[in-house]
Amino acid sequence: MKNRIHAMTEAQLILHGSSPLVIGDGAHDVVIARFGNLRDRVALPAKSEGGRRVYDFATHDRSLAPGDVYVASCGDRQVTFRIDRDAKSGQTPVLGRLIAFPPAP
């Protein structure tokens, strides 16, 4: 439990939808791993849209666990985020479930 409390204070984002919309940098795959268990991870089969890679969990009927902390990485960039405990899956408002990496140089 100590790691979970520490992880929540380290989260850079709180998503209010459990089906993230992920936009990669256009050059690297995006990998999402549960914080504290890097073996529980998924590499996103992102499709290219205008040079950027986009993956919408909602359109693939997928979601992440509410209350859990995750790390998303794309190339040498990463962001730590938590899914709000009351988050719903599916097509919730985009701004509440968006993870976007800056375009690759």
N, C-alpha and C. Protein backbone atom coordinates (compact mmCIF):
# COMPACT_ATOMS: atom_id res chain seq x y z
N MET A 1 0.82 -1.20 0.00
CA MET A 1 0.00 0.00 0.00
C MET A 1 0.86 1.26 0.00
N LYS A 2 2.02 1.20 0.61
CA LYS A 2 2.89 2.36 0.64
C LYS A 2 3.25 2.83 -0.77
N ASN A 3 3.58 1.89 -1.68
CA ASN A 3 3.91 2.27 -3.05
C ASN A 3 2.74 2.95 -3.75
N ARG A 4 1.53 2.47 -3.52
CA ARG A 4 0.36 3.08 -4.16
C ARG A 4 0.19 4.53 -3.72
N ILE A 5 0.33 4.80 -2.44
CA ILE A 5 0.19 6.17 -1.95
C ILE A 5 1.28 7.04 -2.55
N HIS A 6 2.51 6.54 -2.57
CA HIS A 6 3.63 7.29 -3.16
C HIS A 6 3.38 7.54 -4.64
N ALA A 7 2.90 6.53 -5.34
CA ALA A 7 2.67 6.66 -6.78
C ALA A 7 1.62 7.72 -7.07
N MET A 8 0.57 7.79 -6.26
CA MET A 8 -0.48 8.77 -6.50
C MET A 8 0.05 10.19 -6.34
N THR A 9 0.97 10.41 -5.41
CA THR A 9 1.52 11.75 -5.25
C THR A 9 2.45 12.10 -6.40
N GLU A 10 2.95 11.10 -7.13
CA GLU A 10 3.86 11.32 -8.24
C GLU A 10 3.14 11.42 -9.59
N ALA A 11 1.85 11.11 -9.64
CA ALA A 11 1.13 11.15 -10.91
C ALA A 11 1.11 12.56 -11.47
N GLN A 12 1.46 12.69 -12.75
CA GLN A 12 1.48 13.98 -13.40
C GLN A 12 0.10 14.35 -13.94
N LEU A 13 -0.71 13.35 -14.23
CA LEU A 13 -2.06 13.55 -14.76
C LEU A 13 -3.06 12.70 -14.00
N ILE A 14 -4.28 13.17 -13.95
CA ILE A 14 -5.39 12.36 -13.48
C ILE A 14 -6.39 12.32 -14.62
N LEU A 15 -6.65 11.12 -15.12
CA LEU A 15 -7.62 10.96 -16.20
C LEU A 15 -8.99 10.67 -15.61
N HIS A 16 -10.01 11.33 -16.15
CA HIS A 16 -11.37 11.17 -15.64
C HIS A 16 -12.20 10.22 -16.49
N GLY A 17 -11.55 9.61 -17.47
CA GLY A 17 -12.15 8.55 -18.26
C GLY A 17 -11.18 7.39 -18.26
N SER A 18 -11.66 6.15 -18.14
CA SER A 18 -10.75 5.01 -18.04
C SER A 18 -10.37 4.42 -19.40
N SER A 19 -10.83 5.05 -20.49
CA SER A 19 -10.47 4.63 -21.85
C SER A 19 -9.67 5.76 -22.50
N PRO A 20 -8.36 5.82 -22.22
CA PRO A 20 -7.57 6.95 -22.71
C PRO A 20 -7.54 7.08 -24.24
N LEU A 21 -7.38 8.31 -24.68
CA LEU A 21 -7.09 8.63 -26.07
C LEU A 21 -5.62 9.03 -26.07
N VAL A 22 -4.77 8.24 -26.73
CA VAL A 22 -3.32 8.42 -26.68
C VAL A 22 -2.83 8.90 -28.04
N ILE A 23 -2.07 9.99 -28.02
CA ILE A 23 -1.45 10.52 -29.25
C ILE A 23 0.05 10.44 -29.07
N GLY A 24 0.70 9.63 -29.91
CA GLY A 24 2.15 9.46 -29.85
C GLY A 24 2.86 10.59 -30.56
N ASP A 25 4.18 10.48 -30.60
CA ASP A 25 4.98 11.55 -31.20
C ASP A 25 5.18 11.39 -32.70
N GLY A 26 4.68 10.29 -33.28
CA GLY A 26 4.81 10.06 -34.70
C GLY A 26 6.03 9.26 -35.10
N ALA A 27 6.95 9.04 -34.15
CA ALA A 27 8.18 8.30 -34.47
C ALA A 27 8.37 7.04 -33.63
N HIS A 28 7.69 6.97 -32.48
CA HIS A 28 7.90 5.85 -31.56
C HIS A 28 6.56 5.21 -31.16
N ASP A 29 6.62 3.93 -30.81
CA ASP A 29 5.44 3.28 -30.24
C ASP A 29 5.19 3.82 -28.84
N VAL A 30 3.95 3.75 -28.40
CA VAL A 30 3.58 4.14 -27.05
C VAL A 30 3.38 2.86 -26.25
N VAL A 31 3.99 2.81 -25.06
CA VAL A 31 3.85 1.67 -24.17
C VAL A 31 3.25 2.18 -22.87
N ILE A 32 2.21 1.49 -22.40
CA ILE A 32 1.58 1.84 -21.13
C ILE A 32 1.76 0.67 -20.19
N ALA A 33 2.29 0.96 -18.98
CA ALA A 33 2.53 -0.07 -17.98
C ALA A 33 1.92 0.35 -16.66
N ARG A 34 1.39 -0.63 -15.93
CA ARG A 34 0.87 -0.36 -14.59
C ARG A 34 2.06 -0.02 -13.68
N PHE A 35 1.97 1.04 -12.91
CA PHE A 35 3.05 1.48 -12.03
C PHE A 35 3.34 0.37 -11.01
N GLY A 36 4.61 0.04 -10.86
CA GLY A 36 5.00 -0.98 -9.90
C GLY A 36 4.99 -2.39 -10.46
N ASN A 37 4.47 -2.56 -11.68
CA ASN A 37 4.44 -3.87 -12.32
C ASN A 37 4.67 -3.68 -13.81
N LEU A 38 5.90 -3.44 -14.19
CA LEU A 38 6.20 -3.12 -15.59
C LEU A 38 5.96 -4.29 -16.53
N ARG A 39 5.74 -5.50 -15.98
CA ARG A 39 5.39 -6.63 -16.84
C ARG A 39 3.93 -6.56 -17.25
N ASP A 40 3.11 -5.82 -16.51
CA ASP A 40 1.70 -5.61 -16.87
C ASP A 40 1.66 -4.38 -17.76
N ARG A 41 1.93 -4.59 -19.05
CA ARG A 41 2.07 -3.48 -19.98
C ARG A 41 1.46 -3.81 -21.32
N VAL A 42 1.19 -2.77 -22.08
CA VAL A 42 0.64 -2.95 -23.42
C VAL A 42 1.33 -1.98 -24.37
N ALA A 43 1.76 -2.50 -25.51
CA ALA A 43 2.28 -1.65 -26.59
C ALA A 43 1.12 -1.36 -27.51
N LEU A 44 0.86 -0.11 -27.76
CA LEU A 44 -0.32 0.27 -28.52
C LEU A 44 -0.09 0.17 -30.02
N PRO A 45 -0.95 -0.57 -30.71
CA PRO A 45 -0.87 -0.64 -32.17
C PRO A 45 -1.47 0.62 -32.77
N ALA A 46 -0.71 1.70 -32.68
CA ALA A 46 -1.22 3.01 -33.09
C ALA A 46 -1.26 3.14 -34.61
N LYS A 47 -2.31 3.78 -35.10
CA LYS A 47 -2.39 4.08 -36.53
C LYS A 47 -1.96 5.52 -36.74
N SER A 48 -1.37 5.80 -37.86
CA SER A 48 -0.86 7.13 -38.15
C SER A 48 -1.97 8.02 -38.69
N GLU A 49 -2.08 9.21 -38.12
CA GLU A 49 -3.03 10.22 -38.60
C GLU A 49 -2.27 11.53 -38.74
N GLY A 50 -1.90 11.86 -39.96
CA GLY A 50 -1.16 13.10 -40.18
C GLY A 50 0.23 13.07 -39.57
N GLY A 51 0.87 11.90 -39.56
CA GLY A 51 2.21 11.80 -39.01
C GLY A 51 2.23 11.45 -37.53
N ARG A 52 1.14 11.63 -36.82
CA ARG A 52 1.08 11.30 -35.39
C ARG A 52 0.41 9.94 -35.24
N ARG A 53 0.74 9.22 -34.20
CA ARG A 53 0.14 7.92 -33.93
C ARG A 53 -0.95 8.08 -32.88
N VAL A 54 -2.14 7.59 -33.20
CA VAL A 54 -3.30 7.78 -32.33
C VAL A 54 -3.88 6.42 -31.96
N TYR A 55 -4.20 6.24 -30.68
CA TYR A 55 -4.88 5.02 -30.24
C TYR A 55 -5.97 5.44 -29.27
N ASP A 56 -7.19 5.06 -29.56
CA ASP A 56 -8.33 5.38 -28.71
C ASP A 56 -8.84 4.09 -28.07
N PHE A 57 -8.62 3.96 -26.77
CA PHE A 57 -9.09 2.77 -26.04
C PHE A 57 -10.59 2.59 -26.21
N ALA A 58 -11.35 3.68 -26.27
CA ALA A 58 -12.81 3.60 -26.35
C ALA A 58 -13.27 2.93 -27.64
N THR A 59 -12.65 3.26 -28.77
CA THR A 59 -13.09 2.66 -30.04
C THR A 59 -12.68 1.20 -30.14
N HIS A 60 -11.75 0.76 -29.28
CA HIS A 60 -11.34 -0.65 -29.24
C HIS A 60 -11.99 -1.38 -28.07
N ASP A 61 -12.97 -0.74 -27.42
CA ASP A 61 -13.70 -1.33 -26.28
C ASP A 61 -12.74 -1.82 -25.19
N ARG A 62 -11.76 -0.98 -24.86
CA ARG A 62 -10.76 -1.30 -23.83
C ARG A 62 -10.76 -0.20 -22.79
N SER A 63 -10.28 -0.53 -21.60
CA SER A 63 -10.16 0.48 -20.55
C SER A 63 -9.07 0.07 -19.57
N LEU A 64 -8.65 1.01 -18.76
CA LEU A 64 -7.69 0.77 -17.69
C LEU A 64 -8.44 0.78 -16.37
N ALA A 65 -7.83 0.25 -15.32
CA ALA A 65 -8.49 0.09 -14.03
C ALA A 65 -8.61 1.42 -13.28
N PRO A 66 -9.83 1.82 -12.91
CA PRO A 66 -10.00 3.04 -12.10
C PRO A 66 -9.22 2.93 -10.79
N GLY A 67 -8.57 4.04 -10.42
CA GLY A 67 -7.80 4.09 -9.19
C GLY A 67 -6.35 3.68 -9.35
N ASP A 68 -6.01 3.01 -10.43
CA ASP A 68 -4.63 2.55 -10.63
C ASP A 68 -3.76 3.63 -11.27
N VAL A 69 -2.45 3.48 -11.06
CA VAL A 69 -1.46 4.42 -11.59
C VAL A 69 -0.70 3.71 -12.71
N TYR A 70 -0.44 4.44 -13.79
CA TYR A 70 0.22 3.90 -14.97
C TYR A 70 1.34 4.84 -15.42
N VAL A 71 2.25 4.28 -16.21
CA VAL A 71 3.30 5.07 -16.85
C VAL A 71 3.16 4.86 -18.35
N ALA A 72 3.05 5.95 -19.09
CA ALA A 72 3.02 5.89 -20.55
C ALA A 72 4.36 6.41 -21.05
N SER A 73 4.99 5.66 -21.95
CA SER A 73 6.26 6.10 -22.50
C SER A 73 6.20 6.10 -24.02
N CYS A 74 6.93 7.04 -24.60
CA CYS A 74 7.00 7.20 -26.05
C CYS A 74 8.39 7.72 -26.36
N GLY A 75 9.25 6.84 -26.89
CA GLY A 75 10.64 7.22 -27.09
C GLY A 75 11.29 7.46 -25.74
N ASP A 76 11.94 8.60 -25.56
CA ASP A 76 12.58 8.90 -24.28
C ASP A 76 11.71 9.75 -23.36
N ARG A 77 10.45 9.93 -23.72
CA ARG A 77 9.52 10.71 -22.89
C ARG A 77 8.58 9.77 -22.16
N GLN A 78 8.17 10.19 -20.96
CA GLN A 78 7.18 9.41 -20.24
C GLN A 78 6.32 10.31 -19.37
N VAL A 79 5.13 9.81 -19.06
CA VAL A 79 4.22 10.53 -18.18
C VAL A 79 3.57 9.50 -17.25
N THR A 80 3.46 9.89 -15.99
CA THR A 80 2.79 9.05 -14.99
C THR A 80 1.39 9.59 -14.80
N PHE A 81 0.39 8.70 -14.83
CA PHE A 81 -0.98 9.15 -14.68
C PHE A 81 -1.79 8.17 -13.84
N ARG A 82 -2.84 8.69 -13.26
CA ARG A 82 -3.77 7.88 -12.46
C ARG A 82 -5.14 7.97 -13.09
N ILE A 83 -5.84 6.85 -13.10
CA ILE A 83 -7.23 6.84 -13.55
C ILE A 83 -8.09 7.15 -12.32
N ASP A 84 -8.91 8.18 -12.40
CA ASP A 84 -9.79 8.56 -11.30
C ASP A 84 -10.62 7.36 -10.85
N ARG A 85 -10.83 7.25 -9.55
CA ARG A 85 -11.60 6.11 -9.01
C ARG A 85 -13.03 6.04 -9.54
N ASP A 86 -13.59 7.18 -9.92
CA ASP A 86 -14.97 7.20 -10.43
C ASP A 86 -15.03 7.26 -11.95
N ALA A 87 -13.91 7.02 -12.62
CA ALA A 87 -13.85 7.12 -14.08
C ALA A 87 -14.72 6.06 -14.74
N LYS A 88 -15.33 6.44 -15.84
CA LYS A 88 -16.16 5.52 -16.65
C LYS A 88 -15.40 5.18 -17.92
N SER A 89 -15.67 4.02 -18.48
CA SER A 89 -15.03 3.62 -19.72
C SER A 89 -15.86 4.10 -20.90
N GLY A 90 -15.26 4.02 -22.08
CA GLY A 90 -15.98 4.38 -23.30
C GLY A 90 -15.74 5.81 -23.73
N GLN A 91 -16.67 6.30 -24.53
CA GLN A 91 -16.55 7.63 -25.16
C GLN A 91 -16.93 8.75 -24.20
N THR A 92 -16.14 8.94 -23.16
CA THR A 92 -16.32 10.08 -22.27
C THR A 92 -15.62 11.29 -22.90
N PRO A 93 -15.80 12.51 -22.36
CA PRO A 93 -15.17 13.68 -22.98
C PRO A 93 -13.66 13.50 -23.19
N VAL A 94 -13.19 13.87 -24.36
CA VAL A 94 -11.80 13.65 -24.76
C VAL A 94 -10.81 14.30 -23.81
N LEU A 95 -11.05 15.52 -23.38
CA LEU A 95 -10.08 16.20 -22.52
C LEU A 95 -9.89 15.50 -21.18
N GLY A 96 -10.84 14.72 -20.76
CA GLY A 96 -10.72 13.98 -19.51
C GLY A 96 -9.99 12.66 -19.64
N ARG A 97 -9.59 12.31 -20.86
CA ARG A 97 -8.91 11.02 -21.07
C ARG A 97 -7.74 11.11 -22.05
N LEU A 98 -7.27 12.32 -22.33
CA LEU A 98 -6.23 12.55 -23.32
C LEU A 98 -4.82 12.45 -22.74
N ILE A 99 -3.97 11.69 -23.43
CA ILE A 99 -2.54 11.64 -23.16
C ILE A 99 -1.87 11.94 -24.51
N ALA A 100 -1.17 13.07 -24.58
CA ALA A 100 -0.55 13.47 -25.86
C ALA A 100 0.93 13.76 -25.65
N PHE A 101 1.74 13.17 -26.50
CA PHE A 101 3.17 13.42 -26.49
C PHE A 101 3.49 14.45 -27.58
N PRO A 102 4.47 15.34 -27.34
CA PRO A 102 4.83 16.32 -28.36
C PRO A 102 5.38 15.62 -29.60
N PRO A 103 5.21 16.22 -30.76
CA PRO A 103 5.73 15.63 -32.00
C PRO A 103 7.24 15.43 -31.92
N ALA A 104 7.70 14.35 -32.56
CA ALA A 104 9.15 14.10 -32.62
C ALA A 104 9.79 15.16 -33.49
N PRO A 105 11.01 15.57 -33.14
CA PRO A 105 11.70 16.60 -33.94
C PRO A 105 12.04 16.09 -35.34
